Amino acid sequence: MADDDSTARGRCPNCGQAVPEGELRLCQMCRSLFCQHCEVYGYGRFFCGVRCRDTFFFGDGEDLQEDF
């Protein structure tokens, strides 16, 4: 017999919590999946963590040219 729960469940790669697959989001920076419990909101977008949020706004610092 089929399950009564028709919602497909997935696991958040960040925290491992089981969540409906439709609730997993894609990070704007690293393209990884995350759930609403892990999400960090900043600059009008949702990110998988503080590091991706800060990199989105401040950059990664590798744009400096060292050979002048």
C-alpha atoms as a PDB file:
ATOM      1  CA  MET A   1       0.000   0.000   0.000  1.00  0.00           C
ATOM      2  CA  ALA A   2       1.175   3.552  -0.744  1.00  0.00           C
ATOM      3  CA  ASP A   3       2.017   6.047   1.958  1.00  0.00           C
ATOM      4  CA  ASP A   4      -0.705   8.476   2.971  1.00  0.00           C
ATOM      5  CA  ASP A   5       1.914  11.240   2.919  1.00  0.00           C
ATOM      6  CA  SER A   6       1.959  12.310  -0.732  1.00  0.00           C
ATOM      7  CA  THR A   7       4.706  14.907  -0.160  1.00  0.00           C
ATOM      8  CA  ALA A   8       8.128  13.758  -1.345  1.00  0.00           C
ATOM      9  CA  ARG A   9      10.706  14.196   1.401  1.00  0.00           C
ATOM     10  CA  GLY A  10      14.305  15.176   0.928  1.00  0.00           C
ATOM     11  CA  ARG A  11      17.208  15.919   3.244  1.00  0.00           C
ATOM     12  CA  CYS A  12      18.896  19.271   3.619  1.00  0.00           C
ATOM     13  CA  PRO A  13      22.614  18.873   2.802  1.00  0.00           C
ATOM     14  CA  ASN A  14      23.488  21.544   5.400  1.00  0.00           C
ATOM     15  CA  CYS A  15      21.679  20.273   8.499  1.00  0.00           C
ATOM     16  CA  GLY A  16      20.444  16.824   7.453  1.00  0.00           C
ATOM     17  CA  GLN A  17      16.862  17.572   8.435  1.00  0.00           C
ATOM     18  CA  ALA A  18      14.105  15.855   6.451  1.00  0.00           C
ATOM     19  CA  VAL A  19      12.020  18.462   4.625  1.00  0.00           C
ATOM     20  CA  PRO A  20       9.582  18.395   1.700  1.00  0.00           C
ATOM     21  CA  GLU A  21      11.612  18.552  -1.525  1.00  0.00           C
ATOM     22  CA  GLY A  22       9.654  21.601  -2.669  1.00  0.00           C
ATOM     23  CA  GLU A  23      10.966  23.558   0.318  1.00  0.00           C
ATOM     24  CA  LEU A  24      14.637  23.148  -0.573  1.00  0.00           C
ATOM     25  CA  ARG A  25      16.119  26.315  -2.086  1.00  0.00           C
ATOM     26  CA  LEU A  26      19.125  26.855  -4.340  1.00  0.00           C
ATOM     27  CA  CYS A  27      21.862  29.160  -3.049  1.00  0.00           C
ATOM     28  CA  GLN A  28      22.513  32.174  -5.300  1.00  0.00           C
ATOM     29  CA  MET A  29      26.282  31.868  -4.808  1.00  0.00           C
ATOM     30  CA  CYS A  30      27.378  28.232  -4.520  1.00  0.00           C
ATOM     31  CA  ARG A  31      24.284  26.610  -6.082  1.00  0.00           C
ATOM     32  CA  SER A  32      23.862  24.162  -3.188  1.00  0.00           C
ATOM     33  CA  LEU A  33      20.489  23.204  -1.739  1.00  0.00           C
ATOM     34  CA  PHE A  34      19.388  24.300   1.721  1.00  0.00           C
ATOM     35  CA  CYS A  35      16.211  24.346   3.831  1.00  0.00           C
ATOM     36  CA  GLN A  36      14.344  27.162   5.544  1.00  0.00           C
ATOM     37  CA  HIS A  37      16.016  26.300   8.858  1.00  0.00           C
ATOM     38  CA  CYS A  38      19.492  26.941   7.404  1.00  0.00           C
ATOM     39  CA  GLU A  39      18.670  29.910   5.183  1.00  0.00           C
ATOM     40  CA  VAL A  40      20.296  33.283   5.683  1.00  0.00           C
ATOM     41  CA  TYR A  41      18.517  36.296   4.191  1.00  0.00           C
ATOM     42  CA  GLY A  42      20.471  39.233   2.905  1.00  0.00           C
ATOM     43  CA  TYR A  43      20.372  41.802   0.123  1.00  0.00           C
ATOM     44  CA  GLY A  44      16.950  40.621  -1.056  1.00  0.00           C
ATOM     45  CA  ARG A  45      17.989  36.986  -1.520  1.00  0.00           C
ATOM     46  CA  PHE A  46      18.237  33.731   0.418  1.00  0.00           C
ATOM     47  CA  PHE A  47      21.618  32.039   0.838  1.00  0.00           C
ATOM     48  CA  CYS A  48      22.803  28.748   2.335  1.00  0.00           C
ATOM     49  CA  GLY A  49      24.941  30.519   4.919  1.00  0.00           C
ATOM     50  CA  VAL A  50      26.619  33.692   6.090  1.00  0.00           C
ATOM     51  CA  ARG A  51      29.725  33.036   3.995  1.00  0.00           C
ATOM     52  CA  CYS A  52      27.768  32.955   0.714  1.00  0.00           C
ATOM     53  CA  ARG A  53      25.732  36.010   1.721  1.00  0.00           C
ATOM     54  CA  ASP A  54      28.852  38.009   2.504  1.00  0.00           C
ATOM     55  CA  THR A  55      30.656  36.830  -0.641  1.00  0.00           C
ATOM     56  CA  PHE A  56      27.672  37.933  -2.720  1.00  0.00           C
ATOM     57  CA  PHE A  57      27.906  41.480  -1.381  1.00  0.00           C
ATOM     58  CA  PHE A  58      31.602  41.963  -0.604  1.00  0.00           C
ATOM     59  CA  GLY A  59      33.146  39.607  -3.168  1.00  0.00           C
ATOM     60  CA  ASP A  60      35.802  37.028  -2.485  1.00  0.00           C
ATOM     61  CA  GLY A  61      38.751  39.421  -2.507  1.00  0.00           C
ATOM     62  CA  GLU A  62      40.517  37.742  -5.436  1.00  0.00           C
ATOM     63  CA  ASP A  63      39.855  40.539  -7.918  1.00  0.00           C
ATOM     64  CA  LEU A  64      42.958  42.471  -6.901  1.00  0.00           C
ATOM     65  CA  GLN A  65      45.740  42.595  -9.443  1.00  0.00           C
ATOM     66  CA  GLU A  66      49.119  42.060  -7.858  1.00  0.00           C
ATOM     67  CA  ASP A  67      51.300  42.674 -10.935  1.00  0.00           C
ATOM     68  CA  PHE A  68      51.253  46.461 -11.327  1.00  0.00           C
END
